[in-house]
C-alpha atoms as a PDB file:
ATOM      1  CA  MET A   1     119.449  96.994 103.605  1.00  0.00           C
ATOM      2  CA  HIS A   2     117.329  99.962 104.527  1.00  0.00           C
ATOM      3  CA  PRO A   3     117.882 101.762 107.670  1.00  0.00           C
ATOM      4  CA  ALA A   4     115.225 101.456 110.440  1.00  0.00           C
ATOM      5  CA  ILE A   5     113.372 104.485 111.709  1.00  0.00           C
ATOM      6  CA  SER A   6     112.981 105.315 115.277  1.00  0.00           C
ATOM      7  CA  GLN A   7     110.559 107.375 116.890  1.00  0.00           C
ATOM      8  CA  THR A   8     113.145 110.288 117.008  1.00  0.00           C
ATOM      9  CA  THR A   9     114.764 109.840 113.355  1.00  0.00           C
ATOM     10  CA  SER A  10     113.309 111.565 110.233  1.00  0.00           C
ATOM     11  CA  LEU A  11     112.088 110.267 107.185  1.00  0.00           C
ATOM     12  CA  LYS A  12     114.708 110.244 104.251  1.00  0.00           C
ATOM     13  CA  LEU A  13     113.711 110.598 101.047  1.00  0.00           C
ATOM     14  CA  ARG A  14     115.450 110.335  97.573  1.00  0.00           C
ATOM     15  CA  ILE A  15     114.382 112.905  94.983  1.00  0.00           C
ATOM     16  CA  SER A  16     114.816 112.522  91.263  1.00  0.00           C
ATOM     17  CA  PRO A  17     113.284 114.142  88.327  1.00  0.00           C
ATOM     18  CA  PRO A  18     109.961 112.433  87.230  1.00  0.00           C
ATOM     19  CA  SER A  19     110.035 109.431  84.900  1.00  0.00           C
ATOM     20  CA  GLY A  20     106.516 109.213  83.757  1.00  0.00           C
ATOM     21  CA  ASN A  21     102.769 110.575  84.291  1.00  0.00           C
ATOM     22  CA  LEU A  22     101.206 112.026  87.406  1.00  0.00           C
ATOM     23  CA  LEU A  23      98.858 109.923  89.175  1.00  0.00           C
ATOM     24  CA  PRO A  24      95.576 110.946  89.800  1.00  0.00           C
ATOM     25  CA  GLY A  25      95.515 110.090  93.398  1.00  0.00           C
ATOM     26  CA  ARG A  26      93.053 111.293  95.850  1.00  0.00           C
ATOM     27  CA  GLY A  27      91.775 110.871  99.533  1.00  0.00           C
ATOM     28  CA  PHE A  28      88.316 108.969 100.345  1.00  0.00           C
ATOM     29  CA  TYR A  29      87.366 109.397 103.934  1.00  0.00           C
ATOM     30  CA  GLN A  30      85.183 106.510 105.056  1.00  0.00           C
ATOM     31  CA  LEU A  31      82.476 107.549 107.192  1.00  0.00           C
ATOM     32  CA  GLU A  32      81.288 104.578 108.753  1.00  0.00           C
ATOM     33  CA  GLU A  33      84.873 103.876 109.867  1.00  0.00           C
ATOM     34  CA  ASP A  34      86.137 107.374 110.531  1.00  0.00           C
ATOM     35  CA  SER A  35      89.325 106.700 108.407  1.00  0.00           C
ATOM     36  CA  LEU A  36      91.026 108.306 105.501  1.00  0.00           C
ATOM     37  CA  TYR A  37      92.048 106.202 102.889  1.00  0.00           C
ATOM     38  CA  VAL A  38      94.288 107.950 100.153  1.00  0.00           C
ATOM     39  CA  GLN A  39      95.049 105.956  97.002  1.00  0.00           C
ATOM     40  CA  ILE A  40      98.079 107.211  95.254  1.00  0.00           C
ATOM     41  CA  ALA A  41      99.204 104.336  92.781  1.00  0.00           C
ATOM     42  CA  PRO A  42      97.265 101.278  91.283  1.00  0.00           C
ATOM     43  CA  PHE A  43      97.651  97.891  93.017  1.00  0.00           C
ATOM     44  CA  SER A  44      99.204  96.006  90.437  1.00  0.00           C
ATOM     45  CA  ASP A  45     101.908  93.367  89.671  1.00  0.00           C
ATOM     46  CA  ASN A  46     104.226  96.070  89.020  1.00  0.00           C
ATOM     47  CA  TYR A  47     103.092  98.192  92.068  1.00  0.00           C
ATOM     48  CA  ARG A  48     102.533  95.817  94.952  1.00  0.00           C
ATOM     49  CA  PHE A  49     102.438  96.192  98.592  1.00  0.00           C
ATOM     50  CA  PHE A  50     105.827  95.565  99.889  1.00  0.00           C
ATOM     51  CA  SER A  51     106.384  97.392 103.110  1.00  0.00           C
ATOM     52  CA  TYR A  52     105.354 100.136 105.396  1.00  0.00           C
ATOM     53  CA  LEU A  53     106.004 103.090 107.741  1.00  0.00           C
ATOM     54  CA  GLU A  54     103.701 103.479 110.520  1.00  0.00           C
ATOM     55  CA  SER A  55     102.604 105.757 113.548  1.00  0.00           C
ATOM     56  CA  GLU A  56     100.028 105.329 116.126  1.00  0.00           C
ATOM     57  CA  HIS A  57      97.502 106.836 113.401  1.00  0.00           C
ATOM     58  CA  VAL A  58      99.158 107.009 110.156  1.00  0.00           C
ATOM     59  CA  ARG A  59     100.244 104.013 107.882  1.00  0.00           C
ATOM     60  CA  PHE A  60     102.230 104.507 104.559  1.00  0.00           C
ATOM     61  CA  ASP A  61     102.233 101.472 102.229  1.00  0.00           C
ATOM     62  CA  LEU A  62     105.239 101.073  99.902  1.00  0.00           C
ATOM     63  CA  ASP A  63     106.405  99.284  96.923  1.00  0.00           C
ATOM     64  CA  ARG A  64     109.650  97.176  96.547  1.00  0.00           C
ATOM     65  CA  GLU A  65     110.868 100.181  94.840  1.00  0.00           C
ATOM     66  CA  GLY A  66     110.155 102.420  97.786  1.00  0.00           C
ATOM     67  CA  ARG A  67     107.265 104.367  96.273  1.00  0.00           C
ATOM     68  CA  LEU A  68     104.453 105.513  98.177  1.00  0.00           C
ATOM     69  CA  LEU A  69     101.247 103.459  97.244  1.00  0.00           C
ATOM     70  CA  PHE A  70      98.654 104.120  99.779  1.00  0.00           C
ATOM     71  CA  VAL A  71      98.167 106.134 102.942  1.00  0.00           C
ATOM     72  CA  GLU A  72      95.628 105.423 105.756  1.00  0.00           C
ATOM     73  CA  VAL A  73      94.944 107.671 108.810  1.00  0.00           C
ATOM     74  CA  ASN A  74      92.841 105.895 111.380  1.00  0.00           C
ATOM     75  CA  CYS A  75      92.114 109.037 113.510  1.00  0.00           C
ATOM     76  CA  PRO A  76      88.709 110.537 113.166  1.00  0.00           C
ATOM     77  CA  ARG A  77      88.640 113.952 111.381  1.00  0.00           C
ATOM     78  CA  ARG A  78      86.926 115.303 114.400  1.00  0.00           C
ATOM     79  CA  HIS A  79      89.980 115.274 116.077  1.00  0.00           C
ATOM     80  CA  TRP A  80      92.239 116.603 113.307  1.00  0.00           C
ATOM     81  CA  ARG A  81      93.331 120.118 114.642  1.00  0.00           C
ATOM     82  CA  VAL A  82      91.193 122.819 112.492  1.00  0.00           C
ATOM     83  CA  VAL A  83      93.426 125.542 111.170  1.00  0.00           C
ATOM     84  CA  GLU A  84      91.511 128.791 110.077  1.00  0.00           C
ATOM     85  CA  ASP A  85      93.282 130.213 107.061  1.00  0.00           C
ATOM     86  CA  MET A  86      94.958 126.916 105.894  1.00  0.00           C
ATOM     87  CA  SER A  87      96.119 127.223 102.227  1.00  0.00           C
ATOM     88  CA  CYS A  88      98.198 124.428 100.047  1.00  0.00           C
ATOM     89  CA  PRO A  89     101.435 125.266  98.908  1.00  0.00           C
ATOM     90  CA  LEU A  90     101.025 127.061  95.492  1.00  0.00           C
ATOM     91  CA  HIS A  91     104.174 125.821  93.827  1.00  0.00           C
ATOM     92  CA  SER A  92     105.129 122.507  93.471  1.00  0.00           C
ATOM     93  CA  GLN A  93     107.163 120.399  91.059  1.00  0.00           C
ATOM     94  CA  GLU A  94     106.775 116.711  89.735  1.00  0.00           C
ATOM     95  CA  ALA A  95     109.175 114.245  90.973  1.00  0.00           C
ATOM     96  CA  ASP A  96     110.148 110.440  91.184  1.00  0.00           C
ATOM     97  CA  ILE A  97     110.148 109.942  95.054  1.00  0.00           C
ATOM     98  CA  ARG A  98     111.546 107.043  96.881  1.00  0.00           C
ATOM     99  CA  TRP A  99     111.227 106.369 100.452  1.00  0.00           C
ATOM    100  CA  LEU A 100     114.644 105.337 102.187  1.00  0.00           C
ATOM    101  CA  SER A 101     113.645 103.650 105.330  1.00  0.00           C
ATOM    102  CA  PHE A 102     110.550 101.048 105.801  1.00  0.00           C
ATOM    103  CA  ARG A 103     109.074  98.221 107.923  1.00  0.00           C
ATOM    104  CA  SER A 104     109.294 100.606 111.200  1.00  0.00           C
ATOM    105  CA  GLN A 105     107.821 102.940 113.325  1.00  0.00           C
ATOM    106  CA  MET A 106     107.707 106.673 112.246  1.00  0.00           C
ATOM    107  CA  PRO A 107     107.111 109.591 114.578  1.00  0.00           C
ATOM    108  CA  ASN A 108     103.734 110.423 115.093  1.00  0.00           C
ATOM    109  CA  PRO A 109     102.567 113.367 112.999  1.00  0.00           C
ATOM    110  CA  GLU A 110     100.246 116.117 113.732  1.00  0.00           C
ATOM    111  CA  LEU A 111      96.961 116.224 111.729  1.00  0.00           C
ATOM    112  CA  SER A 112      95.487 119.501 110.617  1.00  0.00           C
ATOM    113  CA  THR A 113      92.566 120.531 108.362  1.00  0.00           C
ATOM    114  CA  ASN A 114      90.493 123.312 106.866  1.00  0.00           C
ATOM    115  CA  GLN A 115      87.248 124.368 108.071  1.00  0.00           C
ATOM    116  CA  SER A 116      85.592 122.025 105.769  1.00  0.00           C
ATOM    117  CA  ARG A 117      87.844 119.186 106.212  1.00  0.00           C
ATOM    118  CA  THR A 118      88.475 118.667 102.966  1.00  0.00           C
ATOM    119  CA  ALA A 119      92.283 118.855 102.990  1.00  0.00           C
ATOM    120  CA  LEU A 120      94.737 117.187 105.504  1.00  0.00           C
ATOM    121  CA  ILE A 121      98.384 118.142 106.642  1.00  0.00           C
ATOM    122  CA  VAL A 122     100.260 115.173 108.010  1.00  0.00           C
ATOM    123  CA  ARG A 123     102.960 117.170 109.533  1.00  0.00           C
ATOM    124  CA  PHE A 124     106.019 115.323 110.697  1.00  0.00           C
ATOM    125  CA  ALA A 125     108.543 118.181 111.220  1.00  0.00           C
ATOM    126  CA  PRO A 126     108.457 122.148 111.130  1.00  0.00           C
ATOM    127  CA  ALA A 127     110.877 123.177 108.366  1.00  0.00           C
ATOM    128  CA  ALA A 128     112.073 126.889 107.852  1.00  0.00           C
ATOM    129  CA  GLU A 129     112.733 126.479 104.387  1.00  0.00           C
ATOM    130  CA  THR A 130     110.708 123.753 102.512  1.00  0.00           C
ATOM    131  CA  ARG A 131     110.486 122.242  98.619  1.00  0.00           C
ATOM    132  CA  THR A 132     107.139 120.950  97.504  1.00  0.00           C
ATOM    133  CA  TYR A 133     106.829 118.037  95.064  1.00  0.00           C
ATOM    134  CA  ARG A 134     103.332 116.665  93.810  1.00  0.00           C
ATOM    135  CA  LEU A 135     102.713 113.053  94.156  1.00  0.00           C
ATOM    136  CA  ALA A 136      99.718 112.670  92.512  1.00  0.00           C
ATOM    137  CA  GLU A 137      97.021 115.300  91.747  1.00  0.00           C
ATOM    138  CA  SER A 138      95.677 115.622  95.250  1.00  0.00           C
ATOM    139  CA  VAL A 139      98.826 114.665  97.237  1.00  0.00           C
ATOM    140  CA  LEU A 140     101.805 116.721  98.036  1.00  0.00           C
ATOM    141  CA  LEU A 141     105.245 116.130  99.577  1.00  0.00           C
ATOM    142  CA  GLU A 142     106.709 119.084 101.759  1.00  0.00           C
ATOM    143  CA  THR A 143     110.418 118.342 102.347  1.00  0.00           C
ATOM    144  CA  SER A 144     113.539 120.182 103.850  1.00  0.00           C
ATOM    145  CA  ARG A 145     116.445 121.146 102.124  1.00  0.00           C
ATOM    146  CA  ASP A 146     117.975 117.734 102.846  1.00  0.00           C
ATOM    147  CA  SER A 147     115.143 115.649 101.567  1.00  0.00           C
ATOM    148  CA  THR A 148     113.557 114.987 104.782  1.00  0.00           C
ATOM    149  CA  LEU A 149     109.885 114.556 104.937  1.00  0.00           C
ATOM    150  CA  ALA A 150     108.217 117.577 106.681  1.00  0.00           C
ATOM    151  CA  ALA A 151     104.677 116.908 105.378  1.00  0.00           C
ATOM    152  CA  VAL A 152     102.328 115.256 103.474  1.00  0.00           C
ATOM    153  CA  TRP A 153      99.197 117.483 102.072  1.00  0.00           C
ATOM    154  CA  ILE A 154      96.066 115.475 100.912  1.00  0.00           C
ATOM    155  CA  THR A 155      93.704 117.812  98.927  1.00  0.00           C
ATOM    156  CA  ASP A 156      90.198 117.265  97.759  1.00  0.00           C
ATOM    157  CA  ILE A 157      89.274 114.748 100.073  1.00  0.00           C
ATOM    158  CA  ILE A 158      85.944 113.344  99.490  1.00  0.00           C
ATOM    159  CA  ASP A 159      83.272 111.507 101.612  1.00  0.00           C
ATOM    160  CA  ASP A 160      82.608 108.245 101.192  1.00  0.00           C
ATOM    161  CA  LEU A 161      79.894 105.562 102.466  1.00  0.00           C
ATOM    162  CA  ALA A 162      80.425 101.806 102.324  1.00  0.00           C
ATOM    163  CA  GLY A 163      83.657 102.334 100.190  1.00  0.00           C
ATOM    164  CA  GLN A 164      81.711 102.883  97.033  1.00  0.00           C
ATOM    165  CA  CYS A 165      83.565 105.826  96.108  1.00  0.00           C
ATOM    166  CA  ILE A 166      86.886 104.201  96.521  1.00  0.00           C
ATOM    167  CA  ALA A 167      85.876 101.164  94.460  1.00  0.00           C
ATOM    168  CA  ALA A 168      84.690 103.562  91.915  1.00  0.00           C
ATOM    169  CA  TYR A 169      87.966 105.201  91.580  1.00  0.00           C
ATOM    170  CA  ARG A 170      90.030 101.770  91.672  1.00  0.00           C
ATOM    171  CA  ARG A 171      87.947 100.516  88.799  1.00  0.00           C
ATOM    172  CA  LYS A 172      88.420 103.373  86.871  1.00  0.00           C
ATOM    173  CA  PHE A 173      92.145 103.718  88.175  1.00  0.00           C
ATOM    174  CA  ARG A 174      92.707 100.155  86.991  1.00  0.00           C
ATOM    175  CA  SER A 175      90.997 100.415  83.360  1.00  0.00           C
ATOM    176  CA  GLN A 176      93.359 103.685  82.683  1.00  0.00           C
ATOM    177  CA  CYS A 177      96.240 101.547  83.647  1.00  0.00           C
ATOM    178  CA  GLU A 178      95.145  98.358  81.383  1.00  0.00           C
ATOM    179  CA  LYS A 179      95.118 100.751  78.252  1.00  0.00           C
ATOM    180  CA  GLN A 180      98.876 101.040  79.039  1.00  0.00           C
ATOM    181  CA  PRO A 181     100.570  97.756  78.405  1.00  0.00           C
ATOM    182  CA  ASP A 182     103.160  98.838  81.117  1.00  0.00           C
ATOM    183  CA  PRO A 183     102.423 102.067  82.971  1.00  0.00           C
ATOM    184  CA  VAL A 184     105.303 104.048  84.182  1.00  0.00           C
ATOM    185  CA  ILE A 185     104.422 106.050  87.351  1.00  0.00           C
ATOM    186  CA  SER A 186     106.240 108.958  88.522  1.00  0.00           C
ATOM    187  CA  TYR A 187     105.985 110.897  91.657  1.00  0.00           C
END
């Protein structure tokens, strides 16, 4: 049984050495819906939605093993706080990251973006000293020393109209996975 998260509880992670290939994951801002969808892992028999963590504007979809599959931010980007000199962490390492809590509410994060609104920081807690892990090509996790989630960074966000870009991305992702009989996915 996984512990539940209250509004004041932090999000705990289990971080291990990577066991597979880095995912191409990226964010698609749906213009007509004013929502950001971030595809991290393919939806397949091996990686199906099982559980979630959610706040008022952010939802994380997880598989049965506690791996993050998808992020939805349903707050229009015009409401994201613009940070003048926002820069993505320079150093990150790949890791296999598992979420230890799910099917619950999570704390409401702060949403911050750059001037061009092509990057988003979903900040849960400030941390004096953090470690950064690459979950996918355009998705980073920032954690505290005790493996508590501090932030999720989504970079290279592209504008999408009527879901055309994310649909093309999913088709490409699916075709890449079909070429590998049993894809091993690492975060």
